[in-house]
C-alpha atoms as a PDB file:
ATOM      1  CA  LEU A   1     163.024 -60.115 276.856  1.00  0.00           C
ATOM      2  CA  GLN A   2     159.492 -61.499 277.071  1.00  0.00           C
ATOM      3  CA  GLY A   3     160.821 -64.453 279.091  1.00  0.00           C
ATOM      4  CA  LEU A   4     162.453 -62.104 281.600  1.00  0.00           C
ATOM      5  CA  LEU A   5     159.240 -60.100 281.831  1.00  0.00           C
ATOM      6  CA  VAL A   6     157.142 -63.187 282.605  1.00  0.00           C
ATOM      7  CA  ILE A   7     159.619 -64.503 285.180  1.00  0.00           C
ATOM      8  CA  PHE A   8     159.719 -61.166 286.999  1.00  0.00           C
ATOM      9  CA  LEU A   9     155.929 -60.849 286.882  1.00  0.00           C
ATOM     10  CA  LEU A  10     155.424 -64.358 288.285  1.00  0.00           C
ATOM     11  CA  HIS A  11     158.063 -63.733 290.946  1.00  0.00           C
ATOM     12  CA  TRP A  12     156.260 -60.657 292.248  1.00  0.00           C
ATOM     13  CA  VAL A  13     152.862 -62.395 292.179  1.00  0.00           C
ATOM     14  CA  VAL A  14     154.267 -65.332 294.159  1.00  0.00           C
ATOM     15  CA  ALA A  15     156.034 -62.967 296.564  1.00  0.00           C
ATOM     16  CA  HIS A  16     152.731 -61.253 297.314  1.00  0.00           C
ATOM     17  CA  ILE A  17     150.909 -64.544 297.928  1.00  0.00           C
ATOM     18  CA  ILE A  18     153.654 -65.913 300.208  1.00  0.00           C
ATOM     19  CA  GLU A  19     153.693 -62.650 302.151  1.00  0.00           C
ATOM     20  CA  PHE A  20     149.928 -62.903 302.600  1.00  0.00           C
ATOM     21  CA  GLN A  21     150.160 -66.506 303.829  1.00  0.00           C
ATOM     22  CA  TYR A  22     152.971 -65.625 306.215  1.00  0.00           C
ATOM     23  CA  THR A  23     151.222 -62.552 307.649  1.00  0.00           C
ATOM     24  CA  LYS A  24     147.949 -64.472 307.987  1.00  0.00           C
ATOM     25  CA  LEU A  25     149.669 -67.247 309.930  1.00  0.00           C
ATOM     26  CA  ILE A  26     151.368 -64.822 312.333  1.00  0.00           C
ATOM     27  CA  ASP A  27     148.072 -62.965 312.787  1.00  0.00           C
ATOM     28  CA  GLU A  28     146.204 -66.181 313.613  1.00  0.00           C
ATOM     29  CA  SER A  29     148.925 -67.357 315.987  1.00  0.00           C
ATOM     30  CA  VAL A  30     148.591 -64.195 318.069  1.00  0.00           C
ATOM     31  CA  GLY A  31     145.784 -64.790 320.521  1.00  0.00           C
ATOM     32  CA  SER A  32     144.334 -61.800 322.332  1.00  0.00           C
ATOM     33  CA  SER A  33     140.826 -60.579 323.039  1.00  0.00           C
ATOM     34  CA  ASP A  34     141.975 -56.972 323.221  1.00  0.00           C
ATOM     35  CA  ALA A  35     142.478 -55.285 319.821  1.00  0.00           C
ATOM     36  CA  THR A  36     145.376 -53.111 320.999  1.00  0.00           C
ATOM     37  CA  SER A  37     147.216 -56.049 322.552  1.00  0.00           C
ATOM     38  CA  HIS A  38     146.586 -58.078 319.412  1.00  0.00           C
ATOM     39  CA  ASP A  39     148.048 -55.378 317.181  1.00  0.00           C
ATOM     40  CA  GLU A  40     151.088 -55.011 319.417  1.00  0.00           C
ATOM     41  CA  SER A  41     151.637 -58.764 319.499  1.00  0.00           C
ATOM     42  CA  LEU A  42     151.248 -58.974 315.728  1.00  0.00           C
ATOM     43  CA  ALA A  43     153.750 -56.165 315.174  1.00  0.00           C
ATOM     44  CA  HIS A  44     156.175 -57.820 317.597  1.00  0.00           C
ATOM     45  CA  GLY A  45     155.812 -61.210 315.894  1.00  0.00           C
ATOM     46  CA  LEU A  46     156.272 -59.819 312.383  1.00  0.00           C
ATOM     47  CA  GLY A  47     159.178 -57.656 313.490  1.00  0.00           C
ATOM     48  CA  SER A  48     160.965 -60.528 315.225  1.00  0.00           C
ATOM     49  CA  PHE A  49     160.738 -62.823 312.218  1.00  0.00           C
ATOM     50  CA  HIS A  50     161.738 -60.075 309.811  1.00  0.00           C
ATOM     51  CA  MET A  51     164.876 -59.492 311.877  1.00  0.00           C
ATOM     52  CA  LEU A  52     165.623 -63.215 311.587  1.00  0.00           C
ATOM     53  CA  PHE A  53     164.977 -63.209 307.825  1.00  0.00           C
ATOM     54  CA  TYR A  54     167.117 -60.131 307.209  1.00  0.00           C
ATOM     55  CA  ALA A  55     169.966 -61.432 309.359  1.00  0.00           C
ATOM     56  CA  SER A  56     170.053 -64.757 307.523  1.00  0.00           C
ATOM     57  CA  ALA A  57     169.704 -62.899 304.206  1.00  0.00           C
ATOM     58  CA  LEU A  58     172.681 -60.684 305.048  1.00  0.00           C
ATOM     59  CA  VAL A  59     174.875 -63.671 305.863  1.00  0.00           C
ATOM     60  CA  PHE A  60     173.682 -65.453 302.726  1.00  0.00           C
ATOM     61  CA  GLN A  61     174.384 -62.419 300.554  1.00  0.00           C
ATOM     62  CA  LEU A  62     177.877 -61.925 301.944  1.00  0.00           C
ATOM     63  CA  LEU A  63     178.995 -65.558 301.910  1.00  0.00           C
ATOM     64  CA  VAL A  64     177.002 -67.507 299.346  1.00  0.00           C
ATOM     65  CA  ALA A  65     174.887 -65.544 296.852  1.00  0.00           C
ATOM     66  CA  SER A  66     177.655 -64.171 294.622  1.00  0.00           C
ATOM     67  CA  ARG A  67     179.318 -67.587 294.425  1.00  0.00           C
ATOM     68  CA  ILE A  68     176.071 -69.183 293.275  1.00  0.00           C
ATOM     69  CA  LEU A  69     175.647 -66.535 290.572  1.00  0.00           C
ATOM     70  CA  ARG A  70     179.196 -67.091 289.306  1.00  0.00           C
ATOM     71  CA  LYS A  71     178.766 -70.863 289.395  1.00  0.00           C
ATOM     72  CA  ILE A  72     175.415 -71.317 287.624  1.00  0.00           C
ATOM     73  CA  GLY A  73     175.006 -67.997 285.821  1.00  0.00           C
ATOM     74  CA  THR A  74     172.105 -65.604 285.495  1.00  0.00           C
ATOM     75  CA  ALA A  75     169.562 -67.942 283.882  1.00  0.00           C
ATOM     76  CA  GLY A  76     170.572 -70.759 286.239  1.00  0.00           C
ATOM     77  CA  SER A  77     169.980 -68.461 289.207  1.00  0.00           C
ATOM     78  CA  PHE A  78     166.438 -67.740 288.007  1.00  0.00           C
ATOM     79  CA  LEU A  79     165.855 -71.479 287.715  1.00  0.00           C
ATOM     80  CA  LEU A  80     167.301 -72.151 291.177  1.00  0.00           C
ATOM     81  CA  HIS A  81     165.007 -69.574 292.770  1.00  0.00           C
ATOM     82  CA  SER A  82     162.027 -71.034 290.916  1.00  0.00           C
ATOM     83  CA  LEU A  83     162.818 -74.580 292.076  1.00  0.00           C
ATOM     84  CA  VAL A  84     163.326 -73.550 295.705  1.00  0.00           C
ATOM     85  CA  THR A  85     160.045 -71.635 295.640  1.00  0.00           C
ATOM     86  CA  PHE A  86     158.242 -74.566 294.020  1.00  0.00           C
ATOM     87  CA  PHE A  87     159.348 -77.068 296.666  1.00  0.00           C
ATOM     88  CA  SER A  88     158.542 -74.589 299.442  1.00  0.00           C
ATOM     89  CA  SER A  89     155.065 -74.079 297.960  1.00  0.00           C
ATOM     90  CA  LEU A  90     154.617 -77.827 297.615  1.00  0.00           C
ATOM     91  CA  SER A  91     155.500 -78.291 301.281  1.00  0.00           C
ATOM     92  CA  LEU A  92     152.783 -75.759 302.167  1.00  0.00           C
ATOM     93  CA  LEU A  93     150.278 -77.673 300.056  1.00  0.00           C
ATOM     94  CA  LEU A  94     151.144 -80.994 301.672  1.00  0.00           C
ATOM     95  CA  GLY A  95     151.378 -79.741 305.240  1.00  0.00           C
ATOM     96  CA  PHE A  96     150.452 -76.152 306.045  1.00  0.00           C
ATOM     97  CA  GLY A  97     151.663 -75.188 309.480  1.00  0.00           C
ATOM     98  CA  TYR A  98     153.675 -72.711 311.501  1.00  0.00           C
ATOM     99  CA  PHE A  99     157.038 -74.256 310.686  1.00  0.00           C
ATOM    100  CA  THR A 100     156.382 -74.806 306.972  1.00  0.00           C
ATOM    101  CA  VAL A 101     155.164 -71.233 306.427  1.00  0.00           C
ATOM    102  CA  ILE A 102     158.158 -69.713 308.231  1.00  0.00           C
ATOM    103  CA  LEU A 103     160.505 -72.020 306.330  1.00  0.00           C
ATOM    104  CA  ALA A 104     158.840 -71.193 302.997  1.00  0.00           C
ATOM    105  CA  LYS A 105     159.104 -67.471 303.719  1.00  0.00           C
ATOM    106  CA  ASN A 106     162.772 -67.776 304.703  1.00  0.00           C
ATOM    107  CA  ASN A 107     163.556 -69.936 301.656  1.00  0.00           C
ATOM    108  CA  PHE A 108     161.885 -67.381 299.399  1.00  0.00           C
ATOM    109  CA  GLU A 109     163.861 -64.541 300.963  1.00  0.00           C
ATOM    110  CA  LEU A 110     167.200 -66.362 300.629  1.00  0.00           C
ATOM    111  CA  SER A 111     166.700 -67.650 297.094  1.00  0.00           C
ATOM    112  CA  GLY A 112     165.210 -64.249 296.284  1.00  0.00           C
ATOM    113  CA  ILE A 113     168.653 -62.754 296.884  1.00  0.00           C
ATOM    114  CA  VAL A 114     170.041 -64.972 294.126  1.00  0.00           C
ATOM    115  CA  HIS A 115     167.084 -63.950 291.968  1.00  0.00           C
ATOM    116  CA  LYS A 116     167.743 -60.258 292.715  1.00  0.00           C
ATOM    117  CA  ASN A 117     171.427 -60.574 291.805  1.00  0.00           C
ATOM    118  CA  ALA A 118     170.491 -62.341 288.580  1.00  0.00           C
ATOM    119  CA  TYR A 119     167.904 -59.639 287.898  1.00  0.00           C
ATOM    120  CA  GLU A 120     170.587 -56.954 288.153  1.00  0.00           C
ATOM    121  CA  ALA A 121     173.013 -58.959 286.009  1.00  0.00           C
ATOM    122  CA  SER A 122     170.390 -59.683 283.345  1.00  0.00           C
ATOM    123  CA  TYR A 123     170.475 -56.098 282.102  1.00  0.00           C
ATOM    124  CA  TYR A 124     174.031 -56.562 280.855  1.00  0.00           C
ATOM    125  CA  ALA A 125     172.710 -58.979 278.222  1.00  0.00           C
ATOM    126  CA  LEU A 126     170.447 -56.315 276.721  1.00  0.00           C
ATOM    127  CA  PRO A 127     171.524 -54.071 273.827  1.00  0.00           C
ATOM    128  CA  HIS A 128     173.480 -51.007 274.914  1.00  0.00           C
ATOM    129  CA  GLY A 129     171.256 -48.005 275.399  1.00  0.00           C
ATOM    130  CA  THR A 130     168.149 -50.022 276.221  1.00  0.00           C
ATOM    131  CA  GLN A 131     168.993 -51.129 279.777  1.00  0.00           C
ATOM    132  CA  ARG A 132     167.669 -47.985 281.447  1.00  0.00           C
ATOM    133  CA  ASN A 133     164.371 -48.013 279.532  1.00  0.00           C
ATOM    134  CA  VAL A 134     163.814 -51.722 280.213  1.00  0.00           C
ATOM    135  CA  ARG A 135     164.599 -51.299 283.919  1.00  0.00           C
ATOM    136  CA  GLU A 136     162.193 -48.363 284.189  1.00  0.00           C
ATOM    137  CA  PHE A 137     159.487 -50.383 282.440  1.00  0.00           C
ATOM    138  CA  PHE A 138     159.965 -53.402 284.696  1.00  0.00           C
ATOM    139  CA  GLU A 139     160.021 -51.380 287.911  1.00  0.00           C
ATOM    140  CA  ALA A 140     157.293 -48.904 286.945  1.00  0.00           C
ATOM    141  CA  PHE A 141     154.829 -51.323 285.333  1.00  0.00           C
ATOM    142  CA  VAL A 142     155.720 -55.004 285.751  1.00  0.00           C
ATOM    143  CA  TYR A 143     156.331 -54.866 289.514  1.00  0.00           C
ATOM    144  CA  PRO A 144     153.053 -53.026 290.241  1.00  0.00           C
ATOM    145  CA  ALA A 145     151.262 -55.390 287.829  1.00  0.00           C
ATOM    146  CA  GLY A 146     152.574 -58.369 289.798  1.00  0.00           C
ATOM    147  CA  THR A 147     151.372 -56.801 293.040  1.00  0.00           C
ATOM    148  CA  ILE A 148     147.944 -56.117 291.557  1.00  0.00           C
ATOM    149  CA  VAL A 149     147.589 -59.652 290.179  1.00  0.00           C
ATOM    150  CA  GLY A 150     148.672 -61.123 293.518  1.00  0.00           C
ATOM    151  CA  THR A 151     146.183 -58.952 295.392  1.00  0.00           C
ATOM    152  CA  VAL A 152     143.352 -59.821 292.996  1.00  0.00           C
ATOM    153  CA  LEU A 153     144.075 -63.538 293.384  1.00  0.00           C
ATOM    154  CA  VAL A 154     144.065 -63.278 297.174  1.00  0.00           C
ATOM    155  CA  LEU A 155     140.795 -61.331 297.160  1.00  0.00           C
ATOM    156  CA  PHE A 156     139.256 -63.738 294.656  1.00  0.00           C
ATOM    157  CA  VAL A 157     140.028 -66.727 296.859  1.00  0.00           C
ATOM    158  CA  GLN A 158     138.817 -64.940 299.996  1.00  0.00           C
ATOM    159  CA  PHE A 159     135.505 -63.884 298.430  1.00  0.00           C
ATOM    160  CA  PHE A 160     134.606 -66.902 296.313  1.00  0.00           C
ATOM    161  CA  PHE A 161     135.808 -69.842 298.420  1.00  0.00           C
ATOM    162  CA  LEU A 162     134.595 -71.043 301.774  1.00  0.00           C
ATOM    163  CA  PRO A 163     137.189 -70.620 304.558  1.00  0.00           C
ATOM    164  CA  GLU A 164     137.823 -74.366 304.693  1.00  0.00           C
ATOM    165  CA  HIS A 165     138.494 -74.418 300.936  1.00  0.00           C
ATOM    166  CA  ALA A 166     140.321 -71.093 300.620  1.00  0.00           C
ATOM    167  CA  PHE A 167     143.609 -72.470 301.913  1.00  0.00           C
ATOM    168  CA  LEU A 168     143.701 -75.326 299.399  1.00  0.00           C
ATOM    169  CA  ALA A 169     142.776 -72.995 296.545  1.00  0.00           C
ATOM    170  CA  MET A 170     145.513 -70.528 297.514  1.00  0.00           C
ATOM    171  CA  GLN A 171     148.147 -73.250 297.699  1.00  0.00           C
ATOM    172  CA  ILE A 172     147.151 -74.741 294.336  1.00  0.00           C
ATOM    173  CA  ILE A 173     147.430 -71.288 292.757  1.00  0.00           C
ATOM    174  CA  LEU A 174     150.825 -70.797 294.400  1.00  0.00           C
ATOM    175  CA  VAL A 175     152.153 -74.139 293.147  1.00  0.00           C
ATOM    176  CA  ALA A 176     150.786 -73.445 289.650  1.00  0.00           C
ATOM    177  CA  PHE A 177     152.577 -70.087 289.490  1.00  0.00           C
ATOM    178  CA  THR A 178     155.858 -71.591 290.687  1.00  0.00           C
ATOM    179  CA  VAL A 179     155.571 -74.272 287.989  1.00  0.00           C
ATOM    180  CA  GLY A 180     155.198 -71.418 285.507  1.00  0.00           C
ATOM    181  CA  MET A 181     158.343 -69.830 286.922  1.00  0.00           C
ATOM    182  CA  ILE A 182     160.268 -73.076 286.411  1.00  0.00           C
ATOM    183  CA  VAL A 183     159.050 -73.505 282.824  1.00  0.00           C
ATOM    184  CA  PHE A 184     159.973 -69.980 281.788  1.00  0.00           C
ATOM    185  CA  ALA A 185     163.292 -70.039 283.670  1.00  0.00           C
ATOM    186  CA  PHE A 186     164.213 -73.327 281.988  1.00  0.00           C
ATOM    187  CA  HIS A 187     163.425 -72.014 278.511  1.00  0.00           C
ATOM    188  CA  LEU A 188     165.180 -68.735 279.272  1.00  0.00           C
ATOM    189  CA  GLN A 189     168.595 -70.370 279.594  1.00  0.00           C
ATOM    190  CA  HIS A 190     169.102 -70.916 275.846  1.00  0.00           C
ATOM    191  CA  PHE A 191     167.654 -67.563 274.799  1.00  0.00           C
ATOM    192  CA  TYR A 192     169.546 -65.622 277.451  1.00  0.00           C
ATOM    193  CA  THR A 193     172.874 -67.132 276.363  1.00  0.00           C
ATOM    194  CA  ARG A 194     172.132 -66.257 272.737  1.00  0.00           C
ATOM    195  CA  LEU A 195     171.082 -62.715 273.675  1.00  0.00           C
ATOM    196  CA  SER A 196     174.271 -62.228 275.691  1.00  0.00           C
ATOM    197  CA  LYS A 197     176.446 -63.332 272.760  1.00  0.00           C
ATOM    198  CA  GLU A 198     174.595 -61.049 270.347  1.00  0.00           C
ATOM    199  CA  ASN A 199     175.224 -58.023 272.549  1.00  0.00           C
ATOM    200  CA  LEU A 200     178.865 -58.591 273.433  1.00  0.00           C
END
């Protein structure tokens, strides 16, 4: 259970950081001297890409996601999402740009569907009668905690690093967290299988 908690916490922290990087890139790519025009352009840019992300996510969910979950299982799905996020974060570290940020965001959204399906399936491995309490704890405390940690990290980098160093610091933090996701997802496979057998 502790492994699941850490994986979900890291996932939400990473999600917040990637969302910040993505929004920052779109904001910087919108050039306008007028504040109103800038806001409208930013809203249009974010809205257009979100439509693209959601459309690709819908197709992925309908055609691919459930097959992946059946093929590699719940713990394997957590590991897959962690690996995809790691390589996307590494690509940002090695070459931050418009294309790499959009690709990283899209990769996170698509592999996040597999993660979400695995998240829902993971409750079946828990002892009967505890699933509701665990879900409420995760969604009421762990998710907000991940958001808070992600926000604090972003603010820390913005306040304590020079602008030319802030990007590198943010990417190193992102890669470090995705490595943590991989480590915990890898170790979770054995314990999750044992937990599932104990609660059959």
